[in-house]
Amino acid sequence: MKTVMKRALALGLTLSAVAFAAGCSTGAETATSAANSSKAATGTIEISYLQKQGDQQYFVDQANGAKAMAKELGGVNVTVVNLGTDSNKAISEVDAAIARKAQGIIIVVPDQAIGPQVADKAKAANVPLMASDDIIKDSSGAEVPFAGFDGTAMGTEVGKKAAELYKASGWTAADTKIMSVTKLDLSVCMQRVDGALAAFKAAVPDAPAMVQVGSDASVTGSLDKAAATITANQGVKNWIVWGCNDESVTGAVTAVQNANIKPANIIGVGLGAYLACKDWKAGQTTGMKAALYISGVEVGRAAVKSMVDKIRNNVPLPAKSIAKTTMVDATTWQSAGVTCT
């Protein structure tokens, strides 16, 4: 009996020691164990692609590119949601994606201010998150992995082309003004127009005066704002127009032409090319002289490829995936592969 009691006592002490040791393990050890125990996903991967202004051609192309990449990779389902310009809808759709057990979320936010809220929700649910087109940050200020374009670099190309066309036109600064149409509260838009202005001034030291026009980056909104700007600037003979996207420039160029200013007196340089090409395709004379082609298809493809690599193979999401751009005009847009709608 004494022998049995001694063994029981020894066993109890051993179990207590094990329990004590487990209770004293560090958070780092727990985190490390969790990280090491992560396994690649099997079965069909579910990804939610949430887009602002999903009816714009660029974002339609992006959605198509995302779905095409999903089909190529196999076993991937991409659910695309149009958020419009509704930040509340964006947040509720993130919640909905998490509730649907989405294994990855890619989002183009309607407002960058919701970035921390979106990022924290995804983090709490342990769902990988990637920002598309518009950079967002989490609550600590760290940027979320991003797929899209370099805003400043895009603007630089636009500014260079505008300067080239201006110098070839024979216009003077005295009879010319620059109209920069942008969404003032969107950082990527400001990067684009700021880059355009810097590049233009670098090429044209005695640059014409610039008028900055705030719009919602839609064709109609930009047309209305540009029309008011033209009314306030009577007597300007020539206009150079650039902006945040093709919608901004198309709306503004249309407004200038509606003010009975001939296309020959307009240098519009679009950003997207999917709307700029309409007049070119129709063979119409237009103030839209060139456009920087950005492929929504390639951004959608890159974002889904990175997300699937993360989910399926535990490959870290790249901090930034930057797509290429190409300057096109009426003679080159087709060969560049622009989808004209």
Foldseek 3Di string as FASTA:
>chain_A
DVVVVVVVVVVVVVVVVVVVVVVPDDPVVVVVVVVVPDAFDDAAAEEEEEEEPCVDPLNVLLVVLLVVLDVVVPRYDYHYHYPHLDQVSVLVVLVVCLVVVHQEYEYAGSALVCQQVSVVVCVVSVHQYEYEPAWHAHPVRHIRAYFEAQLLVQLLVLLQVLLVVVVVLPDDLVQEEEEEEEAVRGVSFVSNVVSSVVNNCVSPVRHHYYDYWHFSLALVRLLVRLLVVCVVVPRRQAYEYEGSAQSNQNNNQVNCVVVVRDLSRAAYEGEACQALCPCLVVVHRGVDFKYKHDHSSVRSSVVSVQSSCCNRVVDDRHNYHHDDIDMGGSVCCVVVPHNHD
